[in-house]
Amino acid sequence: MPRETMPVDQIVSILRETPERLALASADLSDARLHASPEPGEWSMTELLAHLRSCADVWGTAIETISSTAHPVLRAVSPITWVRSTDYGELAFSPSLESFRSQRDDLLGLLEALSAADWSRSGTVLGAGKPLELTVLSYANRMARHERTHWRQAGKTARALAL
């Protein structure tokens, strides 16, 4: 069942807040702690950031393409597959967070410039089963909901690593 779509202002607020929440959660942790997993099988803060950056790469690119191209055809890309093509998991946390923050600022600039009609622009996504018609709004909503779930994880991870 599809998740409910949040209002645009709530989506933008969540997307704006994510880098700051990561910065606050990680502020008191050493580089070694940021790369450590709190428990076997759980992500480190660096791995969590790598995951969020990968999702931002994939979904943000789709948002940019849909918002600037008349009904594009996009190839589905899994953020989990995409992250394997990056070095995000090996990077130092602070510079990686700054890259994420810069990318996010660019995305927010794009989203905040959209008209109400632009949020409804759509594209066809192929390669993930039957073709899907997705919009700027559906991608941004997915990204915001996804990031919001990771806020709790970041806090929990940071608290466990601070012990």
N, C-alpha and C. Protein backbone atom coordinates (compact mmCIF):
# COMPACT_ATOMS: atom_id res chain seq x y z
N MET A 1 0.85 -1.18 0.00
CA MET A 1 0.00 0.00 0.00
C MET A 1 0.90 1.24 0.00
N PRO A 2 0.67 2.19 -0.91
CA PRO A 2 1.51 3.39 -0.95
C PRO A 2 1.35 4.23 0.31
N ARG A 3 2.45 4.84 0.68
CA ARG A 3 2.41 5.72 1.85
C ARG A 3 1.77 7.04 1.48
N GLU A 4 1.18 7.66 2.48
CA GLU A 4 0.54 8.94 2.29
C GLU A 4 1.58 9.99 1.91
N THR A 5 1.18 10.88 1.03
CA THR A 5 2.07 11.96 0.62
C THR A 5 1.98 13.11 1.60
N MET A 6 3.14 13.53 2.07
CA MET A 6 3.21 14.66 2.99
C MET A 6 3.04 15.96 2.22
N PRO A 7 2.65 17.03 2.91
CA PRO A 7 2.59 18.34 2.26
C PRO A 7 4.01 18.77 1.84
N VAL A 8 4.09 19.55 0.78
CA VAL A 8 5.38 19.99 0.24
C VAL A 8 6.22 20.69 1.30
N ASP A 9 5.62 21.55 2.10
CA ASP A 9 6.41 22.27 3.10
C ASP A 9 7.01 21.32 4.13
N GLN A 10 6.32 20.25 4.47
CA GLN A 10 6.85 19.26 5.41
C GLN A 10 8.00 18.48 4.76
N ILE A 11 7.84 18.12 3.50
CA ILE A 11 8.91 17.42 2.78
C ILE A 11 10.17 18.27 2.78
N VAL A 12 10.03 19.52 2.39
CA VAL A 12 11.19 20.43 2.31
C VAL A 12 11.82 20.59 3.69
N SER A 13 11.01 20.71 4.72
CA SER A 13 11.52 20.87 6.07
C SER A 13 12.35 19.66 6.50
N ILE A 14 11.86 18.48 6.24
CA ILE A 14 12.59 17.26 6.59
C ILE A 14 13.90 17.19 5.81
N LEU A 15 13.84 17.46 4.52
CA LEU A 15 15.06 17.40 3.70
C LEU A 15 16.08 18.44 4.17
N ARG A 16 15.62 19.60 4.60
CA ARG A 16 16.51 20.64 5.11
C ARG A 16 17.16 20.21 6.43
N GLU A 17 16.40 19.51 7.25
CA GLU A 17 16.83 19.17 8.60
C GLU A 17 17.81 17.99 8.67
N THR A 18 17.78 17.10 7.72
CA THR A 18 18.58 15.88 7.82
C THR A 18 20.07 16.12 8.00
N PRO A 19 20.73 16.95 7.19
CA PRO A 19 22.17 17.14 7.42
C PRO A 19 22.49 17.68 8.81
N GLU A 20 21.66 18.58 9.32
CA GLU A 20 21.90 19.13 10.65
C GLU A 20 21.73 18.07 11.73
N ARG A 21 20.73 17.22 11.58
CA ARG A 21 20.54 16.15 12.55
C ARG A 21 21.73 15.20 12.57
N LEU A 22 22.28 14.91 11.39
CA LEU A 22 23.47 14.05 11.34
C LEU A 22 24.66 14.74 11.98
N ALA A 23 24.80 16.04 11.74
CA ALA A 23 25.90 16.80 12.34
C ALA A 23 25.78 16.80 13.86
N LEU A 24 24.58 17.02 14.38
CA LEU A 24 24.39 17.03 15.83
C LEU A 24 24.63 15.65 16.44
N ALA A 25 24.14 14.62 15.80
CA ALA A 25 24.32 13.26 16.33
C ALA A 25 25.78 12.85 16.35
N SER A 26 26.54 13.32 15.40
CA SER A 26 27.94 12.89 15.28
C SER A 26 28.94 13.82 15.97
N ALA A 27 28.48 14.94 16.47
CA ALA A 27 29.37 16.01 16.94
C ALA A 27 30.40 15.56 17.98
N ASP A 28 30.03 14.69 18.88
CA ASP A 28 30.94 14.32 19.97
C ASP A 28 31.66 13.00 19.73
N LEU A 29 31.59 12.48 18.53
CA LEU A 29 32.21 11.18 18.24
C LEU A 29 33.52 11.36 17.49
N SER A 30 34.52 10.56 17.86
CA SER A 30 35.81 10.57 17.18
C SER A 30 35.67 9.92 15.81
N ASP A 31 36.65 10.11 14.96
CA ASP A 31 36.63 9.47 13.65
C ASP A 31 36.53 7.96 13.78
N ALA A 32 37.25 7.40 14.73
CA ALA A 32 37.20 5.95 14.94
C ALA A 32 35.79 5.51 15.33
N ARG A 33 35.14 6.25 16.21
CA ARG A 33 33.78 5.91 16.63
C ARG A 33 32.79 6.05 15.47
N LEU A 34 32.99 7.06 14.63
CA LEU A 34 32.09 7.27 13.49
C LEU A 34 32.16 6.11 12.50
N HIS A 35 33.27 5.41 12.47
CA HIS A 35 33.43 4.26 11.57
C HIS A 35 33.11 2.93 12.25
N ALA A 36 32.79 2.98 13.54
CA ALA A 36 32.52 1.75 14.30
C ALA A 36 31.03 1.43 14.29
N SER A 37 30.72 0.15 14.25
CA SER A 37 29.33 -0.30 14.36
C SER A 37 28.99 -0.47 15.84
N PRO A 38 27.80 0.00 16.25
CA PRO A 38 27.44 -0.14 17.67
C PRO A 38 27.22 -1.60 18.07
N GLU A 39 26.77 -2.40 17.14
CA GLU A 39 26.52 -3.83 17.36
C GLU A 39 26.83 -4.56 16.06
N PRO A 40 27.22 -5.82 16.13
CA PRO A 40 27.44 -6.56 14.89
C PRO A 40 26.19 -6.52 14.00
N GLY A 41 26.40 -6.24 12.73
CA GLY A 41 25.31 -6.18 11.77
C GLY A 41 24.61 -4.83 11.69
N GLU A 42 24.96 -3.89 12.56
CA GLU A 42 24.36 -2.55 12.50
C GLU A 42 25.32 -1.61 11.80
N TRP A 43 24.75 -0.58 11.19
CA TRP A 43 25.56 0.39 10.47
C TRP A 43 26.27 1.34 11.43
N SER A 44 27.49 1.71 11.03
CA SER A 44 28.19 2.80 11.70
C SER A 44 27.57 4.11 11.23
N MET A 45 27.94 5.20 11.87
CA MET A 45 27.46 6.52 11.42
C MET A 45 27.94 6.78 9.99
N THR A 46 29.17 6.37 9.68
CA THR A 46 29.71 6.57 8.34
C THR A 46 28.91 5.77 7.32
N GLU A 47 28.55 4.54 7.65
CA GLU A 47 27.75 3.72 6.74
C GLU A 47 26.35 4.29 6.57
N LEU A 48 25.78 4.80 7.64
CA LEU A 48 24.47 5.43 7.55
C LEU A 48 24.52 6.64 6.62
N LEU A 49 25.54 7.47 6.79
CA LEU A 49 25.70 8.63 5.91
C LEU A 49 25.92 8.18 4.47
N ALA A 50 26.71 7.14 4.26
CA ALA A 50 26.93 6.62 2.90
C ALA A 50 25.61 6.20 2.27
N HIS A 51 24.77 5.54 3.06
CA HIS A 51 23.45 5.11 2.58
C HIS A 51 22.59 6.32 2.20
N LEU A 52 22.55 7.32 3.07
CA LEU A 52 21.73 8.51 2.78
C LEU A 52 22.26 9.27 1.57
N ARG A 53 23.58 9.34 1.43
CA ARG A 53 24.15 10.00 0.26
C ARG A 53 23.80 9.24 -1.02
N SER A 54 23.84 7.92 -0.96
CA SER A 54 23.50 7.12 -2.12
C SER A 54 22.04 7.32 -2.53
N CYS A 55 21.15 7.34 -1.56
CA CYS A 55 19.74 7.59 -1.85
C CYS A 55 19.56 8.99 -2.43
N ALA A 56 20.27 9.96 -1.87
CA ALA A 56 20.19 11.34 -2.37
C ALA A 56 20.71 11.43 -3.80
N ASP A 57 21.77 10.68 -4.10
CA ASP A 57 22.29 10.66 -5.47
C ASP A 57 21.22 10.15 -6.44
N VAL A 58 20.67 8.99 -6.12
CA VAL A 58 19.73 8.32 -7.02
C VAL A 58 18.41 9.09 -7.13
N TRP A 59 17.79 9.36 -6.00
CA TRP A 59 16.48 10.01 -6.02
C TRP A 59 16.59 11.48 -6.38
N GLY A 60 17.66 12.14 -5.94
CA GLY A 60 17.87 13.54 -6.30
C GLY A 60 18.09 13.72 -7.79
N THR A 61 18.84 12.81 -8.41
CA THR A 61 19.04 12.86 -9.85
C THR A 61 17.71 12.68 -10.58
N ALA A 62 16.90 11.76 -10.10
CA ALA A 62 15.58 11.56 -10.72
C ALA A 62 14.73 12.83 -10.60
N ILE A 63 14.76 13.47 -9.43
CA ILE A 63 14.01 14.72 -9.24
C ILE A 63 14.50 15.78 -10.21
N GLU A 64 15.81 15.93 -10.31
CA GLU A 64 16.38 16.93 -11.23
C GLU A 64 15.97 16.65 -12.68
N THR A 65 16.04 15.39 -13.08
CA THR A 65 15.72 15.02 -14.47
C THR A 65 14.24 15.27 -14.76
N ILE A 66 13.38 14.82 -13.87
CA ILE A 66 11.95 15.00 -14.09
C ILE A 66 11.57 16.48 -14.09
N SER A 67 12.20 17.26 -13.22
CA SER A 67 11.83 18.68 -13.14
C SER A 67 12.33 19.49 -14.34
N SER A 68 13.32 18.97 -15.07
CA SER A 68 13.90 19.74 -16.17
C SER A 68 13.66 19.15 -17.56
N THR A 69 13.00 18.01 -17.63
CA THR A 69 12.80 17.32 -18.91
C THR A 69 11.32 16.97 -19.06
N ALA A 70 10.80 17.18 -20.24
CA ALA A 70 9.40 16.84 -20.50
C ALA A 70 9.25 15.32 -20.51
N HIS A 71 8.56 14.82 -19.51
CA HIS A 71 8.25 13.41 -19.31
C HIS A 71 9.40 12.47 -19.73
N PRO A 72 10.49 12.47 -18.97
CA PRO A 72 11.61 11.60 -19.30
C PRO A 72 11.32 10.13 -19.02
N VAL A 73 12.11 9.28 -19.64
CA VAL A 73 12.12 7.86 -19.33
C VAL A 73 13.41 7.62 -18.54
N LEU A 74 13.25 7.11 -17.33
CA LEU A 74 14.37 6.90 -16.43
C LEU A 74 14.58 5.42 -16.20
N ARG A 75 15.81 5.04 -15.99
CA ARG A 75 16.14 3.67 -15.63
C ARG A 75 16.16 3.58 -14.11
N ALA A 76 15.46 2.61 -13.56
CA ALA A 76 15.46 2.42 -12.10
C ALA A 76 16.88 2.08 -11.64
N VAL A 77 17.29 2.73 -10.57
CA VAL A 77 18.60 2.47 -9.96
C VAL A 77 18.36 2.27 -8.48
N SER A 78 18.90 1.21 -7.95
CA SER A 78 18.78 0.93 -6.53
C SER A 78 19.87 1.69 -5.78
N PRO A 79 19.50 2.47 -4.77
CA PRO A 79 20.54 3.13 -3.97
C PRO A 79 21.50 2.13 -3.32
N ILE A 80 21.02 0.94 -3.01
CA ILE A 80 21.88 -0.09 -2.40
C ILE A 80 22.93 -0.55 -3.40
N THR A 81 22.54 -0.68 -4.65
CA THR A 81 23.51 -1.03 -5.69
C THR A 81 24.42 0.16 -5.97
N TRP A 82 23.85 1.36 -6.03
CA TRP A 82 24.62 2.57 -6.35
C TRP A 82 25.75 2.79 -5.34
N VAL A 83 25.47 2.61 -4.04
CA VAL A 83 26.48 2.91 -3.03
C VAL A 83 27.73 2.05 -3.22
N ARG A 84 27.58 0.86 -3.80
CA ARG A 84 28.73 -0.01 -4.05
C ARG A 84 29.67 0.57 -5.10
N SER A 85 29.16 1.49 -5.92
CA SER A 85 30.01 2.11 -6.95
C SER A 85 30.70 3.37 -6.43
N THR A 86 30.47 3.70 -5.15
CA THR A 86 31.06 4.89 -4.56
C THR A 86 32.10 4.51 -3.51
N ASP A 87 32.80 5.50 -3.00
CA ASP A 87 33.72 5.29 -1.87
C ASP A 87 33.15 5.91 -0.59
N TYR A 88 31.86 6.18 -0.57
CA TYR A 88 31.24 6.88 0.55
C TYR A 88 31.51 6.21 1.90
N GLY A 89 31.50 4.90 1.94
CA GLY A 89 31.70 4.18 3.20
C GLY A 89 33.11 4.26 3.76
N GLU A 90 34.06 4.63 2.91
CA GLU A 90 35.45 4.72 3.35
C GLU A 90 35.88 6.15 3.66
N LEU A 91 35.06 7.11 3.29
CA LEU A 91 35.43 8.51 3.48
C LEU A 91 35.38 8.92 4.94
N ALA A 92 36.17 9.92 5.29
CA ALA A 92 36.07 10.52 6.61
C ALA A 92 34.68 11.14 6.73
N PHE A 93 34.10 11.05 7.91
CA PHE A 93 32.71 11.45 8.10
C PHE A 93 32.48 12.93 7.81
N SER A 94 33.28 13.80 8.39
CA SER A 94 33.02 15.25 8.27
C SER A 94 33.04 15.74 6.82
N PRO A 95 34.06 15.41 6.01
CA PRO A 95 34.02 15.86 4.62
C PRO A 95 32.86 15.23 3.84
N SER A 96 32.52 13.99 4.17
CA SER A 96 31.39 13.34 3.50
C SER A 96 30.09 14.04 3.86
N LEU A 97 29.94 14.43 5.13
CA LEU A 97 28.75 15.15 5.54
C LEU A 97 28.68 16.51 4.84
N GLU A 98 29.81 17.17 4.68
CA GLU A 98 29.81 18.46 3.98
C GLU A 98 29.41 18.29 2.52
N SER A 99 29.84 17.21 1.88
CA SER A 99 29.41 16.93 0.51
C SER A 99 27.92 16.69 0.44
N PHE A 100 27.40 15.93 1.42
CA PHE A 100 25.96 15.68 1.50
C PHE A 100 25.20 16.99 1.69
N ARG A 101 25.72 17.84 2.58
CA ARG A 101 25.08 19.13 2.86
C ARG A 101 25.07 20.01 1.60
N SER A 102 26.15 20.03 0.87
CA SER A 102 26.23 20.83 -0.36
C SER A 102 25.24 20.30 -1.41
N GLN A 103 25.22 19.00 -1.57
CA GLN A 103 24.26 18.38 -2.49
C GLN A 103 22.82 18.70 -2.08
N ARG A 104 22.56 18.66 -0.78
CA ARG A 104 21.23 18.93 -0.27
C ARG A 104 20.84 20.38 -0.51
N ASP A 105 21.79 21.30 -0.32
CA ASP A 105 21.51 22.72 -0.58
C ASP A 105 21.10 22.92 -2.04
N ASP A 106 21.79 22.23 -2.95
CA ASP A 106 21.44 22.32 -4.38
C ASP A 106 20.04 21.78 -4.63
N LEU A 107 19.72 20.64 -4.03
CA LEU A 107 18.39 20.06 -4.21
C LEU A 107 17.31 20.97 -3.64
N LEU A 108 17.56 21.51 -2.45
CA LEU A 108 16.57 22.41 -1.85
C LEU A 108 16.37 23.65 -2.71
N GLY A 109 17.44 24.17 -3.29
CA GLY A 109 17.31 25.31 -4.19
C GLY A 109 16.40 24.98 -5.37
N LEU A 110 16.57 23.79 -5.92
CA LEU A 110 15.71 23.36 -7.03
C LEU A 110 14.26 23.23 -6.56
N LEU A 111 14.05 22.51 -5.47
CA LEU A 111 12.68 22.26 -4.98
C LEU A 111 11.96 23.55 -4.60
N GLU A 112 12.66 24.45 -3.96
CA GLU A 112 12.02 25.69 -3.52
C GLU A 112 11.67 26.61 -4.68
N ALA A 113 12.29 26.41 -5.84
CA ALA A 113 12.00 27.22 -7.02
C ALA A 113 10.83 26.66 -7.84
N LEU A 114 10.38 25.45 -7.51
CA LEU A 114 9.31 24.81 -8.28
C LEU A 114 7.96 25.45 -8.00
N SER A 115 7.18 25.54 -9.04
CA SER A 115 5.78 25.96 -8.88
C SER A 115 4.98 24.75 -8.40
N ALA A 116 3.76 24.98 -7.98
CA ALA A 116 2.90 23.87 -7.56
C ALA A 116 2.74 22.85 -8.69
N ALA A 117 2.61 23.33 -9.91
CA ALA A 117 2.45 22.42 -11.05
C ALA A 117 3.71 21.61 -11.30
N ASP A 118 4.87 22.21 -11.06
CA ASP A 118 6.14 21.50 -11.30
C ASP A 118 6.30 20.28 -10.40
N TRP A 119 5.72 20.31 -9.20
CA TRP A 119 5.81 19.17 -8.30
C TRP A 119 5.07 17.96 -8.88
N SER A 120 4.16 18.20 -9.81
CA SER A 120 3.39 17.12 -10.44
C SER A 120 4.03 16.60 -11.73
N ARG A 121 5.12 17.21 -12.15
CA ARG A 121 5.81 16.71 -13.35
C ARG A 121 6.18 15.25 -13.14
N SER A 122 6.07 14.46 -14.20
CA SER A 122 6.30 13.02 -14.04
C SER A 122 7.26 12.49 -15.09
N GLY A 123 7.73 11.27 -14.81
CA GLY A 123 8.56 10.52 -15.73
C GLY A 123 8.20 9.06 -15.61
N THR A 124 8.58 8.30 -16.61
CA THR A 124 8.36 6.86 -16.60
C THR A 124 9.64 6.18 -16.15
N VAL A 125 9.53 5.33 -15.14
CA VAL A 125 10.69 4.62 -14.59
C VAL A 125 10.60 3.16 -15.02
N LEU A 126 11.66 2.71 -15.69
CA LEU A 126 11.73 1.34 -16.20
C LEU A 126 12.78 0.54 -15.46
N GLY A 127 12.57 -0.78 -15.41
CA GLY A 127 13.59 -1.66 -14.88
C GLY A 127 13.34 -2.17 -13.47
N ALA A 128 12.20 -1.85 -12.91
CA ALA A 128 11.87 -2.33 -11.56
C ALA A 128 10.50 -3.00 -11.60
N GLY A 129 10.32 -3.91 -12.55
CA GLY A 129 9.00 -4.50 -12.74
C GLY A 129 8.26 -3.74 -13.82
N LYS A 130 6.94 -3.59 -13.64
CA LYS A 130 6.18 -2.86 -14.64
C LYS A 130 6.56 -1.38 -14.59
N PRO A 131 6.48 -0.69 -15.73
CA PRO A 131 6.83 0.74 -15.75
C PRO A 131 6.02 1.52 -14.73
N LEU A 132 6.69 2.45 -14.08
CA LEU A 132 6.06 3.29 -13.06
C LEU A 132 6.03 4.74 -13.53
N GLU A 133 4.96 5.44 -13.20
CA GLU A 133 4.88 6.88 -13.45
C GLU A 133 5.13 7.55 -12.10
N LEU A 134 6.27 8.18 -11.98
CA LEU A 134 6.63 8.84 -10.73
C LEU A 134 6.82 10.33 -10.96
N THR A 135 6.54 11.09 -9.92
CA THR A 135 6.59 12.55 -10.02
C THR A 135 7.71 13.11 -9.14
N VAL A 136 7.98 14.39 -9.34
CA VAL A 136 8.89 15.09 -8.44
C VAL A 136 8.40 14.91 -7.01
N LEU A 137 7.11 15.09 -6.80
CA LEU A 137 6.53 14.96 -5.47
C LEU A 137 6.71 13.56 -4.90
N SER A 138 6.48 12.53 -5.70
CA SER A 138 6.59 11.17 -5.18
C SER A 138 8.03 10.85 -4.80
N TYR A 139 9.00 11.30 -5.60
CA TYR A 139 10.40 11.07 -5.24
C TYR A 139 10.79 11.86 -3.99
N ALA A 140 10.41 13.11 -3.91
CA ALA A 140 10.77 13.94 -2.75
C ALA A 140 10.10 13.40 -1.49
N ASN A 141 8.86 12.96 -1.61
CA ASN A 141 8.15 12.37 -0.48
C ASN A 141 8.86 11.11 -0.01
N ARG A 142 9.26 10.27 -0.94
CA ARG A 142 9.99 9.04 -0.60
C ARG A 142 11.28 9.38 0.14
N MET A 143 12.02 10.35 -0.38
CA MET A 143 13.28 10.73 0.23
C MET A 143 13.07 11.26 1.64
N ALA A 144 12.09 12.13 1.82
CA ALA A 144 11.83 12.71 3.15
C ALA A 144 11.40 11.64 4.14
N ARG A 145 10.48 10.78 3.76
CA ARG A 145 10.03 9.72 4.66
C ARG A 145 11.19 8.79 5.03
N HIS A 146 11.98 8.46 4.05
CA HIS A 146 13.12 7.57 4.27
C HIS A 146 14.12 8.21 5.23
N GLU A 147 14.45 9.46 5.00
CA GLU A 147 15.42 10.14 5.86
C GLU A 147 14.89 10.28 7.28
N ARG A 148 13.62 10.58 7.40
CA ARG A 148 13.05 10.74 8.74
C ARG A 148 13.18 9.45 9.54
N THR A 149 13.03 8.29 8.91
CA THR A 149 13.20 7.03 9.65
C THR A 149 14.65 6.86 10.11
N HIS A 150 15.59 7.39 9.34
CA HIS A 150 16.99 7.26 9.72
C HIS A 150 17.42 8.26 10.79
N TRP A 151 16.61 9.29 11.06
CA TRP A 151 16.93 10.21 12.15
C TRP A 151 17.04 9.44 13.47
N ARG A 152 16.06 8.59 13.73
CA ARG A 152 16.06 7.80 14.97
C ARG A 152 17.27 6.88 15.02
N GLN A 153 17.57 6.27 13.89
CA GLN A 153 18.71 5.36 13.82
C GLN A 153 20.01 6.12 14.11
N ALA A 154 20.16 7.31 13.56
CA ALA A 154 21.38 8.09 13.79
C ALA A 154 21.52 8.43 15.27
N GLY A 155 20.44 8.84 15.89
CA GLY A 155 20.50 9.16 17.32
C GLY A 155 20.83 7.95 18.16
N LYS A 156 20.20 6.84 17.87
CA LYS A 156 20.45 5.60 18.61
C LYS A 156 21.89 5.14 18.43
N THR A 157 22.37 5.20 17.21
CA THR A 157 23.74 4.79 16.92
C THR A 157 24.74 5.68 17.65
N ALA A 158 24.53 6.99 17.58
CA ALA A 158 25.43 7.94 18.23
C ALA A 158 25.45 7.71 19.75
N ARG A 159 24.29 7.50 20.33
CA ARG A 159 24.23 7.26 21.77
C ARG A 159 24.99 5.98 22.15
N ALA A 160 24.81 4.94 21.37
CA ALA A 160 25.50 3.66 21.64
C ALA A 160 27.02 3.82 21.49
N LEU A 161 27.46 4.61 20.53
CA LEU A 161 28.89 4.77 20.30
C LEU A 161 29.53 5.72 21.32
N ALA A 162 28.74 6.56 21.95
CA ALA A 162 29.27 7.52 22.92
C ALA A 162 29.57 6.84 24.26
N LEU A 163 29.05 5.65 24.48
CA LEU A 163 29.26 4.95 25.76
C LEU A 163 30.68 4.47 25.92
